[in-house]
Amino acid sequence: MCQTLAVLALAIGLAGCGPDDGMVGVSGTITMDGKPVPEGSITFTPVDGKGRPGGGAFENGSFSTRAFPGETAVQIHGHEIIQLPNPTQEQVERGLDTERKSIVPGVYNNASKLRIDISPENNTFDFDLTSDGKIPEGMAAK
């Protein structure tokens, strides 16, 4: 629920942001142990505090969003959809026959140590995450 509210707040905050707001395009992939993360959210927060966070939801391990240039802290929340065993007919009808299971370790989200440098152009980043929480080379906090 909190993740959903965070993504909603981020989306509302980004509404109305035009191309001249100082933000630049950022895209890439997110994998966990070599497999695309099914869905989640990615947030880019300027380390220097100048500018607001950017980011948004992603699906099938691919994202395309906007963020401010500079050194940036990255938070990635990812989950997979799990079918509940033996759901009741009512659960199925109400869409309550599945649940989201977090598959991204905390070192990549709430306690993130991921950092990247976003430039005014050429911002493609591939986040190759692992279940043991190893920070990808070149993406560790300084």
N, C-alpha and C. Protein backbone atom coordinates (compact mmCIF):
# COMPACT_ATOMS: atom_id res chain seq x y z
N MET A 1 0.82 -1.19 0.00
CA MET A 1 0.00 0.00 0.00
C MET A 1 0.87 1.26 0.00
N CYS A 2 1.91 1.28 0.86
CA CYS A 2 2.79 2.45 0.93
C CYS A 2 3.51 2.67 -0.39
N GLN A 3 3.93 1.56 -1.05
CA GLN A 3 4.61 1.69 -2.33
C GLN A 3 3.67 2.28 -3.37
N THR A 4 2.42 1.83 -3.36
CA THR A 4 1.44 2.34 -4.31
C THR A 4 1.23 3.83 -4.09
N LEU A 5 1.12 4.25 -2.84
CA LEU A 5 0.94 5.67 -2.53
C LEU A 5 2.16 6.47 -2.94
N ALA A 6 3.35 5.92 -2.75
CA ALA A 6 4.58 6.62 -3.14
C ALA A 6 4.63 6.82 -4.65
N VAL A 7 4.26 5.80 -5.40
CA VAL A 7 4.25 5.90 -6.86
C VAL A 7 3.19 6.91 -7.30
N LEU A 8 2.02 6.89 -6.67
CA LEU A 8 0.96 7.83 -7.00
C LEU A 8 1.41 9.26 -6.71
N ALA A 9 2.02 9.49 -5.56
CA ALA A 9 2.50 10.82 -5.20
C ALA A 9 3.56 11.30 -6.19
N LEU A 10 4.44 10.39 -6.59
CA LEU A 10 5.46 10.73 -7.57
C LEU A 10 4.83 11.11 -8.90
N ALA A 11 3.83 10.34 -9.33
CA ALA A 11 3.16 10.61 -10.60
C ALA A 11 2.46 11.97 -10.56
N ILE A 12 1.81 12.29 -9.45
CA ILE A 12 1.14 13.58 -9.31
C ILE A 12 2.17 14.70 -9.33
N GLY A 13 3.28 14.48 -8.65
CA GLY A 13 4.34 15.49 -8.61
C GLY A 13 4.95 15.75 -9.97
N LEU A 14 4.99 14.73 -10.82
CA LEU A 14 5.57 14.89 -12.15
C LEU A 14 4.58 15.46 -13.16
N ALA A 15 3.30 15.43 -12.84
CA ALA A 15 2.28 15.93 -13.76
C ALA A 15 2.55 17.40 -14.07
N GLY A 16 2.50 17.73 -15.32
CA GLY A 16 2.71 19.11 -15.72
C GLY A 16 4.16 19.46 -15.94
N CYS A 17 5.08 18.54 -15.70
CA CYS A 17 6.48 18.82 -15.94
C CYS A 17 6.72 18.82 -17.44
N GLY A 18 7.15 19.94 -17.96
CA GLY A 18 7.41 20.04 -19.38
C GLY A 18 8.86 19.76 -19.69
N PRO A 19 9.20 19.78 -21.00
CA PRO A 19 10.56 19.48 -21.40
C PRO A 19 11.57 20.53 -20.96
N ASP A 20 11.16 21.72 -20.57
CA ASP A 20 12.07 22.77 -20.15
C ASP A 20 12.21 22.87 -18.64
N ASP A 21 11.89 21.82 -17.91
CA ASP A 21 11.94 21.87 -16.45
C ASP A 21 13.31 21.48 -15.90
N GLY A 22 14.29 21.21 -16.77
CA GLY A 22 15.62 20.84 -16.31
C GLY A 22 15.83 19.34 -16.19
N MET A 23 14.74 18.59 -16.28
CA MET A 23 14.87 17.13 -16.20
C MET A 23 15.28 16.58 -17.56
N VAL A 24 15.92 15.40 -17.53
CA VAL A 24 16.35 14.74 -18.76
C VAL A 24 15.80 13.33 -18.80
N GLY A 25 15.76 12.75 -19.98
CA GLY A 25 15.28 11.38 -20.12
C GLY A 25 16.26 10.38 -19.54
N VAL A 26 15.73 9.38 -18.86
CA VAL A 26 16.53 8.29 -18.28
C VAL A 26 15.79 6.99 -18.60
N SER A 27 16.52 6.01 -19.10
CA SER A 27 15.89 4.73 -19.42
C SER A 27 16.86 3.60 -19.13
N GLY A 28 16.35 2.38 -19.20
CA GLY A 28 17.21 1.23 -18.99
C GLY A 28 16.43 0.00 -18.59
N THR A 29 17.18 -0.94 -17.99
CA THR A 29 16.58 -2.21 -17.58
C THR A 29 16.88 -2.50 -16.12
N ILE A 30 16.04 -3.33 -15.54
CA ILE A 30 16.21 -3.77 -14.15
C ILE A 30 16.05 -5.28 -14.13
N THR A 31 17.13 -5.97 -13.76
CA THR A 31 17.07 -7.43 -13.64
C THR A 31 17.42 -7.85 -12.22
N MET A 32 16.89 -8.99 -11.83
CA MET A 32 17.21 -9.60 -10.54
C MET A 32 17.73 -11.00 -10.84
N ASP A 33 19.00 -11.23 -10.50
CA ASP A 33 19.64 -12.52 -10.78
C ASP A 33 19.50 -12.90 -12.25
N GLY A 34 19.65 -11.90 -13.12
CA GLY A 34 19.63 -12.14 -14.55
C GLY A 34 18.27 -12.15 -15.22
N LYS A 35 17.19 -12.04 -14.45
CA LYS A 35 15.84 -12.07 -15.03
C LYS A 35 15.17 -10.70 -14.85
N PRO A 36 14.41 -10.24 -15.85
CA PRO A 36 13.73 -8.95 -15.73
C PRO A 36 12.80 -8.94 -14.50
N VAL A 37 12.84 -7.84 -13.75
CA VAL A 37 11.92 -7.68 -12.62
C VAL A 37 10.54 -7.39 -13.23
N PRO A 38 9.52 -8.19 -12.87
CA PRO A 38 8.20 -8.08 -13.52
C PRO A 38 7.56 -6.69 -13.45
N GLU A 39 7.58 -6.07 -12.29
CA GLU A 39 6.98 -4.74 -12.16
C GLU A 39 7.47 -4.09 -10.88
N GLY A 40 7.29 -2.77 -10.80
CA GLY A 40 7.70 -2.04 -9.61
C GLY A 40 7.82 -0.56 -9.89
N SER A 41 8.68 0.10 -9.11
CA SER A 41 8.91 1.53 -9.29
C SER A 41 10.39 1.84 -9.10
N ILE A 42 10.83 2.90 -9.76
CA ILE A 42 12.20 3.37 -9.64
C ILE A 42 12.14 4.86 -9.36
N THR A 43 12.98 5.32 -8.41
CA THR A 43 13.01 6.72 -8.03
C THR A 43 14.44 7.23 -8.08
N PHE A 44 14.63 8.41 -8.67
CA PHE A 44 15.93 9.06 -8.76
C PHE A 44 15.87 10.34 -7.93
N THR A 45 16.70 10.44 -6.89
CA THR A 45 16.70 11.60 -6.00
C THR A 45 18.05 12.29 -6.06
N PRO A 46 18.10 13.58 -6.45
CA PRO A 46 19.37 14.29 -6.50
C PRO A 46 20.05 14.29 -5.12
N VAL A 47 21.33 13.89 -5.08
CA VAL A 47 22.07 13.82 -3.82
C VAL A 47 22.28 15.21 -3.24
N ASP A 48 22.48 16.22 -4.10
CA ASP A 48 22.74 17.57 -3.62
C ASP A 48 21.48 18.30 -3.16
N GLY A 49 20.32 17.66 -3.29
CA GLY A 49 19.07 18.27 -2.84
C GLY A 49 18.51 19.29 -3.81
N LYS A 50 19.17 19.52 -4.94
CA LYS A 50 18.69 20.49 -5.93
C LYS A 50 17.80 19.77 -6.92
N GLY A 51 16.57 20.12 -6.94
CA GLY A 51 15.61 19.44 -7.81
C GLY A 51 14.83 18.39 -7.03
N ARG A 52 13.71 18.02 -7.59
CA ARG A 52 12.84 17.04 -6.93
C ARG A 52 13.12 15.64 -7.48
N PRO A 53 12.69 14.63 -6.78
CA PRO A 53 12.87 13.26 -7.28
C PRO A 53 12.13 13.05 -8.60
N GLY A 54 12.66 12.17 -9.41
CA GLY A 54 12.01 11.76 -10.65
C GLY A 54 11.86 10.25 -10.63
N GLY A 55 11.17 9.72 -11.60
CA GLY A 55 11.02 8.27 -11.67
C GLY A 55 9.59 7.89 -11.99
N GLY A 56 9.27 6.63 -11.74
CA GLY A 56 7.93 6.15 -12.00
C GLY A 56 7.87 4.63 -11.98
N ALA A 57 6.77 4.13 -12.47
CA ALA A 57 6.54 2.68 -12.50
C ALA A 57 7.28 2.07 -13.68
N PHE A 58 7.57 0.76 -13.56
CA PHE A 58 8.15 0.03 -14.68
C PHE A 58 7.50 -1.34 -14.78
N GLU A 59 7.61 -1.94 -15.97
CA GLU A 59 7.09 -3.29 -16.22
C GLU A 59 8.09 -4.08 -17.03
N ASN A 60 8.11 -5.38 -16.83
CA ASN A 60 8.95 -6.29 -17.60
C ASN A 60 10.42 -5.88 -17.62
N GLY A 61 10.88 -5.29 -16.51
CA GLY A 61 12.28 -4.93 -16.37
C GLY A 61 12.75 -3.74 -17.17
N SER A 62 11.83 -2.97 -17.76
CA SER A 62 12.22 -1.80 -18.56
C SER A 62 11.59 -0.54 -18.00
N PHE A 63 12.40 0.54 -18.00
CA PHE A 63 11.86 1.82 -17.54
C PHE A 63 12.28 2.93 -18.50
N SER A 64 11.49 3.97 -18.53
CA SER A 64 11.77 5.19 -19.28
C SER A 64 11.07 6.31 -18.54
N THR A 65 11.85 7.26 -18.05
CA THR A 65 11.28 8.31 -17.21
C THR A 65 12.14 9.56 -17.33
N ARG A 66 11.98 10.49 -16.40
CA ARG A 66 12.75 11.73 -16.39
C ARG A 66 13.31 11.97 -14.99
N ALA A 67 14.48 12.63 -14.95
CA ALA A 67 15.12 12.94 -13.67
C ALA A 67 16.07 14.12 -13.88
N PHE A 68 16.51 14.71 -12.78
CA PHE A 68 17.46 15.82 -12.87
C PHE A 68 18.88 15.29 -13.03
N PRO A 69 19.71 15.99 -13.82
CA PRO A 69 21.11 15.59 -13.98
C PRO A 69 21.88 15.73 -12.67
N GLY A 70 22.99 14.99 -12.56
CA GLY A 70 23.87 15.05 -11.40
C GLY A 70 23.93 13.73 -10.67
N GLU A 71 24.68 13.73 -9.56
CA GLU A 71 24.77 12.51 -8.75
C GLU A 71 23.41 12.23 -8.13
N THR A 72 22.96 11.02 -8.28
CA THR A 72 21.58 10.66 -7.94
C THR A 72 21.51 9.37 -7.15
N ALA A 73 20.73 9.39 -6.06
CA ALA A 73 20.44 8.17 -5.31
C ALA A 73 19.29 7.47 -6.01
N VAL A 74 19.38 6.14 -6.10
CA VAL A 74 18.37 5.36 -6.82
C VAL A 74 17.71 4.39 -5.86
N GLN A 75 16.39 4.35 -5.88
CA GLN A 75 15.62 3.36 -5.12
C GLN A 75 14.79 2.54 -6.09
N ILE A 76 14.89 1.23 -5.95
CA ILE A 76 14.15 0.32 -6.82
C ILE A 76 13.30 -0.61 -5.96
N HIS A 77 12.01 -0.56 -6.18
CA HIS A 77 11.07 -1.48 -5.54
C HIS A 77 10.54 -2.39 -6.64
N GLY A 78 10.69 -3.67 -6.47
CA GLY A 78 10.22 -4.60 -7.48
C GLY A 78 9.49 -5.76 -6.85
N HIS A 79 8.50 -6.27 -7.57
CA HIS A 79 7.74 -7.39 -7.04
C HIS A 79 7.21 -8.25 -8.18
N GLU A 80 6.77 -9.41 -7.79
CA GLU A 80 6.13 -10.31 -8.73
C GLU A 80 4.72 -10.60 -8.23
N ILE A 81 3.86 -10.98 -9.13
CA ILE A 81 2.48 -11.30 -8.79
C ILE A 81 2.39 -12.80 -8.52
N ILE A 82 1.87 -13.14 -7.35
CA ILE A 82 1.73 -14.53 -6.93
C ILE A 82 0.24 -14.89 -6.91
N GLN A 83 -0.11 -15.97 -7.56
CA GLN A 83 -1.48 -16.48 -7.53
C GLN A 83 -1.74 -17.16 -6.19
N LEU A 84 -2.78 -16.76 -5.48
CA LEU A 84 -3.11 -17.39 -4.21
C LEU A 84 -3.62 -18.81 -4.45
N PRO A 85 -3.22 -19.73 -3.59
CA PRO A 85 -3.71 -21.10 -3.74
C PRO A 85 -5.18 -21.19 -3.33
N ASN A 86 -5.96 -21.85 -4.12
CA ASN A 86 -7.37 -22.10 -3.81
C ASN A 86 -8.18 -20.85 -3.46
N PRO A 87 -8.17 -19.83 -4.32
CA PRO A 87 -8.98 -18.64 -4.00
C PRO A 87 -10.47 -18.97 -4.09
N THR A 88 -11.25 -18.25 -3.31
CA THR A 88 -12.70 -18.42 -3.38
C THR A 88 -13.21 -17.72 -4.64
N GLN A 89 -14.42 -18.05 -5.04
CA GLN A 89 -15.02 -17.41 -6.21
C GLN A 89 -15.13 -15.90 -5.98
N GLU A 90 -15.48 -15.52 -4.76
CA GLU A 90 -15.59 -14.09 -4.44
C GLU A 90 -14.24 -13.39 -4.60
N GLN A 91 -13.15 -14.02 -4.14
CA GLN A 91 -11.82 -13.42 -4.30
C GLN A 91 -11.49 -13.24 -5.78
N VAL A 92 -11.80 -14.23 -6.59
CA VAL A 92 -11.53 -14.15 -8.02
C VAL A 92 -12.33 -13.01 -8.64
N GLU A 93 -13.63 -12.93 -8.33
CA GLU A 93 -14.50 -11.90 -8.89
C GLU A 93 -14.06 -10.50 -8.48
N ARG A 94 -13.52 -10.36 -7.28
CA ARG A 94 -13.10 -9.05 -6.78
C ARG A 94 -11.64 -8.74 -7.11
N GLY A 95 -10.98 -9.66 -7.82
CA GLY A 95 -9.58 -9.44 -8.18
C GLY A 95 -8.63 -9.58 -7.00
N LEU A 96 -9.05 -10.34 -6.00
CA LEU A 96 -8.25 -10.53 -4.79
C LEU A 96 -7.59 -11.90 -4.75
N ASP A 97 -7.41 -12.51 -5.91
CA ASP A 97 -6.85 -13.86 -5.96
C ASP A 97 -5.33 -13.86 -6.19
N THR A 98 -4.72 -12.69 -6.16
CA THR A 98 -3.27 -12.58 -6.30
C THR A 98 -2.73 -11.65 -5.22
N GLU A 99 -1.42 -11.73 -5.02
CA GLU A 99 -0.76 -10.78 -4.12
C GLU A 99 0.60 -10.45 -4.70
N ARG A 100 1.12 -9.30 -4.30
CA ARG A 100 2.44 -8.88 -4.74
C ARG A 100 3.47 -9.36 -3.73
N LYS A 101 4.55 -9.93 -4.24
CA LYS A 101 5.65 -10.38 -3.39
C LYS A 101 6.89 -9.57 -3.76
N SER A 102 7.46 -8.88 -2.77
CA SER A 102 8.67 -8.10 -3.01
C SER A 102 9.82 -9.04 -3.34
N ILE A 103 10.56 -8.72 -4.40
CA ILE A 103 11.69 -9.57 -4.78
C ILE A 103 13.00 -8.79 -4.82
N VAL A 104 12.97 -7.52 -4.44
CA VAL A 104 14.18 -6.70 -4.47
C VAL A 104 14.64 -6.44 -3.04
N PRO A 105 15.87 -6.84 -2.69
CA PRO A 105 16.38 -6.62 -1.33
C PRO A 105 16.41 -5.13 -0.94
N GLY A 106 16.29 -4.86 0.35
CA GLY A 106 16.25 -3.50 0.88
C GLY A 106 17.45 -2.65 0.52
N VAL A 107 18.60 -3.26 0.27
CA VAL A 107 19.79 -2.50 -0.08
C VAL A 107 19.61 -1.74 -1.40
N TYR A 108 18.60 -2.11 -2.17
CA TYR A 108 18.30 -1.43 -3.43
C TYR A 108 17.11 -0.48 -3.31
N ASN A 109 16.39 -0.48 -2.19
CA ASN A 109 15.24 0.41 -2.08
C ASN A 109 15.30 1.26 -0.81
N ASN A 110 14.62 0.90 0.26
CA ASN A 110 14.55 1.76 1.44
C ASN A 110 15.92 2.09 2.02
N ALA A 111 16.86 1.16 1.95
CA ALA A 111 18.22 1.39 2.46
C ALA A 111 19.21 1.45 1.29
N SER A 112 18.78 2.04 0.18
CA SER A 112 19.55 1.98 -1.06
C SER A 112 20.94 2.60 -0.94
N LYS A 113 21.89 1.90 -1.52
CA LYS A 113 23.25 2.39 -1.65
C LYS A 113 23.59 2.60 -3.13
N LEU A 114 22.57 2.54 -3.98
CA LEU A 114 22.77 2.74 -5.41
C LEU A 114 22.92 4.23 -5.72
N ARG A 115 23.94 4.57 -6.51
CA ARG A 115 24.17 5.94 -6.96
C ARG A 115 24.57 5.89 -8.43
N ILE A 116 24.07 6.86 -9.19
CA ILE A 116 24.47 7.00 -10.59
C ILE A 116 24.68 8.49 -10.86
N ASP A 117 25.40 8.78 -11.93
CA ASP A 117 25.56 10.15 -12.40
C ASP A 117 24.74 10.31 -13.67
N ILE A 118 23.73 11.15 -13.58
CA ILE A 118 22.87 11.42 -14.74
C ILE A 118 23.44 12.64 -15.45
N SER A 119 23.66 12.50 -16.76
CA SER A 119 24.20 13.60 -17.55
C SER A 119 23.06 14.21 -18.38
N PRO A 120 23.33 15.35 -19.02
CA PRO A 120 22.29 15.96 -19.84
C PRO A 120 21.86 15.10 -21.03
N GLU A 121 22.67 14.09 -21.40
CA GLU A 121 22.31 13.22 -22.53
C GLU A 121 22.87 11.82 -22.31
N ASN A 122 22.44 10.88 -23.13
CA ASN A 122 22.92 9.49 -23.07
C ASN A 122 22.74 8.87 -21.69
N ASN A 123 21.52 8.77 -21.23
CA ASN A 123 21.24 8.25 -19.90
C ASN A 123 20.53 6.91 -19.96
N THR A 124 21.28 5.89 -20.29
CA THR A 124 20.76 4.53 -20.28
C THR A 124 21.51 3.77 -19.20
N PHE A 125 20.77 3.21 -18.26
CA PHE A 125 21.36 2.49 -17.13
C PHE A 125 20.73 1.11 -17.02
N ASP A 126 21.57 0.11 -16.87
CA ASP A 126 21.09 -1.25 -16.67
C ASP A 126 21.44 -1.67 -15.25
N PHE A 127 20.42 -1.87 -14.44
CA PHE A 127 20.59 -2.26 -13.05
C PHE A 127 20.52 -3.78 -12.95
N ASP A 128 21.69 -4.40 -12.84
CA ASP A 128 21.79 -5.86 -12.73
C ASP A 128 21.87 -6.21 -11.25
N LEU A 129 20.72 -6.36 -10.62
CA LEU A 129 20.63 -6.60 -9.18
C LEU A 129 20.74 -8.09 -8.87
N THR A 130 21.16 -8.38 -7.63
CA THR A 130 21.27 -9.77 -7.20
C THR A 130 20.56 -9.96 -5.87
N SER A 131 20.07 -11.16 -5.65
CA SER A 131 19.33 -11.44 -4.41
C SER A 131 20.22 -11.35 -3.18
N ASP A 132 21.56 -11.40 -3.35
CA ASP A 132 22.45 -11.25 -2.20
C ASP A 132 22.76 -9.78 -1.89
N GLY A 133 22.20 -8.85 -2.67
CA GLY A 133 22.32 -7.43 -2.38
C GLY A 133 23.62 -6.78 -2.82
N LYS A 134 24.37 -7.41 -3.70
CA LYS A 134 25.62 -6.83 -4.18
C LYS A 134 25.31 -5.61 -5.05
N ILE A 135 26.02 -4.51 -4.80
CA ILE A 135 25.82 -3.29 -5.58
C ILE A 135 26.56 -3.44 -6.91
N PRO A 136 25.88 -3.20 -8.04
CA PRO A 136 26.55 -3.32 -9.34
C PRO A 136 27.77 -2.40 -9.44
N GLU A 137 28.78 -2.86 -10.14
CA GLU A 137 30.02 -2.10 -10.29
C GLU A 137 29.74 -0.71 -10.85
N GLY A 138 30.35 0.29 -10.24
CA GLY A 138 30.19 1.67 -10.68
C GLY A 138 28.91 2.34 -10.21
N MET A 139 28.11 1.65 -9.38
CA MET A 139 26.84 2.22 -8.92
C MET A 139 26.76 2.31 -7.40
N ALA A 140 27.90 2.28 -6.72
CA ALA A 140 27.92 2.33 -5.25
C ALA A 140 28.02 3.77 -4.78
N ALA A 141 27.44 4.06 -3.61
CA ALA A 141 27.54 5.38 -3.00
C ALA A 141 29.01 5.68 -2.75
N LYS A 142 29.39 6.93 -2.97
CA LYS A 142 30.80 7.34 -2.78
C LYS A 142 31.09 7.61 -1.33
